[in-house]
Amino acid sequence: MALAIAPSAADQPPSIALVQVEDVTVEDTWHVAGMAGTGSNTVVADRVIVPAHRTLDMGGFLAGAYATRHEGEPRNAVAVASMLALTVVAPMLGMARAALDLTLATSARKPMSLTVYERLADSPSVQLAAVASLVDTAQLHAYRAADDLDHAAAEARQLTVAERARIRMDTAVAATRSREAVDPLVSVSGASTFALTNPLQRIWRDLGTASRHGVVNPDLGREIYGRSLLGIAEQPTFII
């Protein structure tokens, strides 16, 4: 599935094109510090002709005009941009929660280097309540966004622009709080956290990369939501 942008309509939403695998090549370009396992290499389609029946207007797609023969399916009314933003956030919630669980387990058994503390948990400097609150905050925002999507789908209606703008903000908050939660956790256990055998350093790298995905850009999320709150119709992106 590829996005095709017409040179004459560069400022318009692209078309979605289904391209046969044998018509494309894959360049090995995905050499990254985080999310290395996604295999997000460069796919090249050189002068590939795609018939009209294998294309879909992305602008209509984002507006809920799905190409389907099945009428009355509630999930066909889901705002796809909002739903896709949540799918990006979902693994971040899991990573943040896993990082907290790993640190709690380590704190109960590992001594603090160069101190008298036989367990990290014995030191007043090991404060995890604020971190746990950040993880909860991320989850609460993501779950509110999911509820908005579910309720609209149950009513077989499209979310309003204002609702979609808030979901964009919620997903940005969830991603940012997840990253903020993990950052101090890698310091609790000290330099040993960065051993390649330690899963916490992988979570730190993966979350640091994932939380900077364009669809959860916090500055853009604030701009989108702020414009909506002020009643400004023009938005800086069509992916809302």
Protein backbone atom coordinates (compact mmCIF):
# COMPACT_ATOMS: atom_id res chain seq x y z
CA MET A 1 0.00 0.00 0.00
CA ALA A 2 1.64 3.22 -1.17
CA LEU A 3 0.78 6.90 -1.01
CA ALA A 4 0.86 8.62 -4.40
CA ILE A 5 1.16 12.39 -4.61
CA ALA A 6 0.37 14.05 -7.94
CA PRO A 7 2.87 16.81 -8.84
CA SER A 8 -0.03 19.08 -9.77
CA ALA A 9 -1.73 18.58 -6.40
CA ALA A 10 1.15 18.57 -3.93
CA ASP A 11 -0.94 20.48 -1.38
CA GLN A 12 -3.79 17.96 -1.50
CA PRO A 13 -4.17 14.63 0.32
CA PRO A 14 -2.47 11.84 -1.66
CA SER A 15 -4.09 8.80 -3.15
CA ILE A 16 -3.71 5.36 -1.61
CA ALA A 17 -2.54 2.82 -4.17
CA LEU A 18 -2.36 -0.94 -3.90
CA VAL A 19 0.83 -2.03 -5.65
CA GLN A 20 1.80 -5.62 -6.41
CA VAL A 21 4.83 -6.78 -4.47
CA GLU A 22 6.63 -7.92 -7.61
CA ASP A 23 6.41 -4.36 -8.97
CA VAL A 24 8.51 -2.83 -6.20
CA THR A 25 11.98 -3.22 -4.74
CA VAL A 26 13.14 -2.79 -1.16
CA GLU A 27 16.25 -0.84 -0.24
CA ASP A 28 17.98 -1.76 3.02
CA THR A 29 17.93 1.70 4.62
CA TRP A 30 16.54 1.06 8.12
CA HIS A 31 19.60 1.34 10.37
CA VAL A 32 18.36 3.04 13.53
CA ALA A 33 18.98 3.31 17.28
CA GLY A 34 15.40 2.50 18.22
CA MET A 35 12.55 0.46 16.73
CA ALA A 36 15.11 -1.50 14.73
CA GLY A 37 12.77 -4.48 14.56
CA THR A 38 10.11 -2.74 12.45
CA GLY A 39 12.12 -3.21 9.27
CA SER A 40 10.85 0.08 7.88
CA ASN A 41 13.04 0.02 4.81
CA THR A 42 12.58 2.13 1.69
CA VAL A 43 10.17 0.70 -0.88
CA VAL A 44 10.80 1.85 -4.45
CA ALA A 45 8.13 1.83 -7.16
CA ASP A 46 9.67 2.97 -10.46
CA ARG A 47 7.17 3.88 -13.20
CA VAL A 48 4.56 1.48 -11.85
CA ILE A 49 1.10 1.83 -13.38
CA VAL A 50 -1.75 1.29 -10.92
CA PRO A 51 -5.29 0.80 -12.28
CA ALA A 52 -8.01 3.07 -10.91
CA HIS A 53 -9.82 0.23 -9.13
CA ARG A 54 -6.75 -0.21 -6.91
CA THR A 55 -6.66 3.40 -5.73
CA LEU A 56 -8.51 5.29 -3.02
CA ASP A 57 -8.70 9.02 -2.39
CA MET A 58 -7.05 9.63 0.97
CA GLY A 59 -9.00 12.84 1.56
CA GLY A 60 -12.28 10.95 1.29
CA PHE A 61 -10.84 8.06 3.28
CA LEU A 62 -9.93 10.38 6.17
CA ALA A 63 -13.42 11.89 5.98
CA GLY A 64 -15.03 8.48 6.40
CA ALA A 65 -15.89 7.76 2.77
CA TYR A 66 -14.77 4.14 2.85
CA ALA A 67 -14.79 2.02 -0.28
CA THR A 68 -16.92 -0.83 1.01
CA ARG A 69 -19.76 -2.97 -0.23
CA HIS A 70 -20.95 -3.55 3.33
CA GLU A 71 -23.34 -0.89 4.56
CA GLY A 72 -24.28 -0.44 8.20
CA GLU A 73 -21.02 -1.70 9.71
CA PRO A 74 -20.33 0.55 12.75
CA ARG A 75 -16.56 0.22 12.42
CA ASN A 76 -16.75 1.69 8.94
CA ALA A 77 -17.54 5.03 10.60
CA VAL A 78 -14.32 5.11 12.63
CA ALA A 79 -12.18 8.19 12.04
CA VAL A 80 -9.17 6.48 10.51
CA ALA A 81 -6.56 9.15 11.31
CA SER A 82 -7.56 9.14 14.98
CA MET A 83 -7.57 5.36 15.09
CA LEU A 84 -4.15 5.09 13.47
CA ALA A 85 -2.70 7.60 15.95
CA LEU A 86 -3.89 5.37 18.78
CA THR A 87 -2.29 2.30 17.23
CA VAL A 88 1.02 4.17 17.32
CA VAL A 89 0.52 5.03 21.00
CA ALA A 90 -0.63 1.58 22.15
CA PRO A 91 2.82 -0.10 22.24
CA MET A 92 4.25 2.98 23.97
CA LEU A 93 1.86 2.42 26.88
CA GLY A 94 3.04 -1.16 27.11
CA MET A 95 6.69 -0.17 26.99
CA ALA A 96 6.30 2.44 29.73
CA ARG A 97 4.43 -0.01 31.97
CA ALA A 98 7.02 -2.73 31.32
CA ALA A 99 9.88 -0.35 32.16
CA LEU A 100 8.22 0.53 35.46
CA ASP A 101 7.62 -3.14 36.31
CA LEU A 102 11.23 -4.02 35.49
CA THR A 103 12.54 -1.21 37.68
CA LEU A 104 10.28 -2.14 40.59
CA ALA A 105 11.54 -5.73 40.42
CA THR A 106 15.17 -4.57 40.22
CA SER A 107 14.77 -2.13 43.10
CA ALA A 108 13.69 -4.93 45.40
CA ARG A 109 16.86 -7.00 44.92
CA LYS A 110 19.72 -4.89 43.56
CA PRO A 111 22.10 -2.93 45.82
CA MET A 112 22.93 0.70 45.09
CA SER A 113 26.48 1.00 43.81
CA LEU A 114 29.01 2.75 46.05
CA THR A 115 26.54 3.12 48.95
CA VAL A 116 25.48 1.28 52.10
CA TYR A 117 22.09 0.46 50.64
CA GLU A 118 21.64 -3.26 50.06
CA ARG A 119 18.56 -2.60 47.96
CA LEU A 120 17.71 0.31 45.68
CA ALA A 121 14.31 0.40 47.36
CA ASP A 122 15.97 1.27 50.70
CA SER A 123 17.26 4.60 49.39
CA PRO A 124 15.05 7.70 49.79
CA SER A 125 16.48 8.92 46.49
CA VAL A 126 14.64 6.20 44.56
CA GLN A 127 11.30 7.87 43.92
CA LEU A 128 8.97 5.96 41.60
CA ALA A 129 5.56 7.40 42.49
CA ALA A 130 5.91 10.29 40.04
CA VAL A 131 6.94 7.86 37.33
CA ALA A 132 3.96 5.62 38.02
CA SER A 133 1.71 8.68 37.81
CA LEU A 134 3.15 9.55 34.39
CA VAL A 135 2.42 6.03 33.17
CA ASP A 136 -1.14 6.31 34.49
CA THR A 137 -1.55 9.72 32.87
CA ALA A 138 -0.49 8.36 29.50
CA GLN A 139 -2.93 5.48 29.78
CA LEU A 140 -5.84 7.67 30.89
CA HIS A 141 -5.41 10.03 27.94
CA ALA A 142 -5.14 7.15 25.48
CA TYR A 143 -8.18 5.41 26.95
CA ARG A 144 -10.24 8.59 26.73
CA ALA A 145 -9.35 8.85 23.05
CA ALA A 146 -10.28 5.19 22.55
CA ASP A 147 -13.62 5.78 24.28
CA ASP A 148 -14.34 8.69 21.94
CA LEU A 149 -13.70 6.44 18.95
CA ASP A 150 -15.76 3.56 20.34
CA HIS A 151 -18.75 5.71 21.22
CA ALA A 152 -18.81 7.32 17.78
CA ALA A 153 -18.53 3.92 16.10
CA ALA A 154 -21.40 2.55 18.21
CA GLU A 155 -23.50 5.49 17.04
CA ALA A 156 -22.35 4.97 13.43
CA ARG A 157 -21.27 8.59 13.14
CA GLN A 158 -18.13 10.42 12.23
CA LEU A 159 -16.26 12.27 14.93
CA THR A 160 -16.41 16.03 14.66
CA VAL A 161 -13.25 17.98 13.87
CA ALA A 162 -13.21 19.19 17.48
CA GLU A 163 -13.34 15.59 18.75
CA ARG A 164 -10.61 14.47 16.37
CA ALA A 165 -8.44 17.43 17.40
CA ARG A 166 -8.74 16.42 21.05
CA ILE A 167 -7.80 12.83 20.19
CA ARG A 168 -4.73 14.18 18.39
CA MET A 169 -3.85 16.04 21.58
CA ASP A 170 -4.57 13.02 23.78
CA THR A 171 -2.30 10.78 21.72
CA ALA A 172 0.49 13.36 21.83
CA VAL A 173 0.17 13.60 25.62
CA ALA A 174 0.15 9.81 25.97
CA ALA A 175 3.31 9.45 23.90
CA THR A 176 5.15 12.26 25.66
CA ARG A 177 4.24 11.13 29.19
CA SER A 178 5.31 7.57 28.33
CA ARG A 179 8.72 8.81 27.26
CA GLU A 180 9.02 11.07 30.30
CA ALA A 181 8.24 8.12 32.55
CA VAL A 182 11.00 5.93 31.15
CA ASP A 183 13.76 8.54 31.12
CA PRO A 184 14.29 8.58 34.93
CA LEU A 185 13.93 4.81 35.18
CA VAL A 186 17.14 4.19 33.25
CA SER A 187 18.95 6.20 35.94
CA VAL A 188 17.62 4.24 38.90
CA SER A 189 19.67 1.13 38.17
CA GLY A 190 22.72 3.06 37.05
CA ALA A 191 25.06 2.41 34.14
CA SER A 192 24.27 -1.32 34.11
CA THR A 193 20.93 -0.41 32.54
CA PHE A 194 22.74 0.10 29.25
CA ALA A 195 24.04 -3.43 28.93
CA LEU A 196 22.70 -4.86 25.68
CA THR A 197 21.24 -7.77 27.66
CA ASN A 198 19.12 -5.38 29.74
CA PRO A 199 15.61 -4.99 28.26
CA LEU A 200 15.23 -1.56 29.86
CA GLN A 201 17.75 0.07 27.53
CA ARG A 202 15.90 -1.36 24.53
CA ILE A 203 12.61 0.04 25.82
CA TRP A 204 14.31 3.40 26.34
CA ARG A 205 15.60 3.42 22.77
CA ASP A 206 12.38 2.15 21.20
CA LEU A 207 10.19 4.55 23.14
CA GLY A 208 12.51 7.46 22.45
CA THR A 209 12.11 6.76 18.75
CA ALA A 210 8.42 5.85 18.66
CA SER A 211 7.31 8.86 20.71
CA ARG A 212 8.76 11.14 18.04
CA HIS A 213 6.57 9.74 15.26
CA GLY A 214 4.96 12.54 13.25
CA VAL A 215 1.42 11.54 14.17
CA VAL A 216 2.12 12.11 17.90
CA ASN A 217 4.16 15.30 17.49
CA PRO A 218 3.28 17.18 20.73
CA ASP A 219 3.86 20.66 19.33
CA LEU A 220 1.67 19.93 16.31
CA GLY A 221 -0.93 18.31 18.57
CA ARG A 222 -1.12 21.47 20.66
CA GLU A 223 -1.45 23.60 17.54
CA ILE A 224 -4.23 21.43 16.12
CA TYR A 225 -6.15 21.32 19.40
CA GLY A 226 -5.58 25.00 20.11
CA ARG A 227 -6.91 26.03 16.71
CA SER A 228 -9.96 23.85 17.25
CA LEU A 229 -10.66 25.36 20.68
CA LEU A 230 -10.45 28.85 19.18
CA GLY A 231 -12.80 27.96 16.35
CA ILE A 232 -10.15 28.29 13.63
CA ALA A 233 -11.11 26.04 10.70
CA GLU A 234 -7.75 26.03 8.93
CA GLN A 235 -5.36 23.35 10.16
CA PRO A 236 -1.68 22.70 9.35
CA THR A 237 -2.36 19.05 8.34
CA PHE A 238 -5.14 17.04 6.76
CA ILE A 239 -4.34 14.04 9.01
CA ILE A 240 -6.78 14.79 11.81
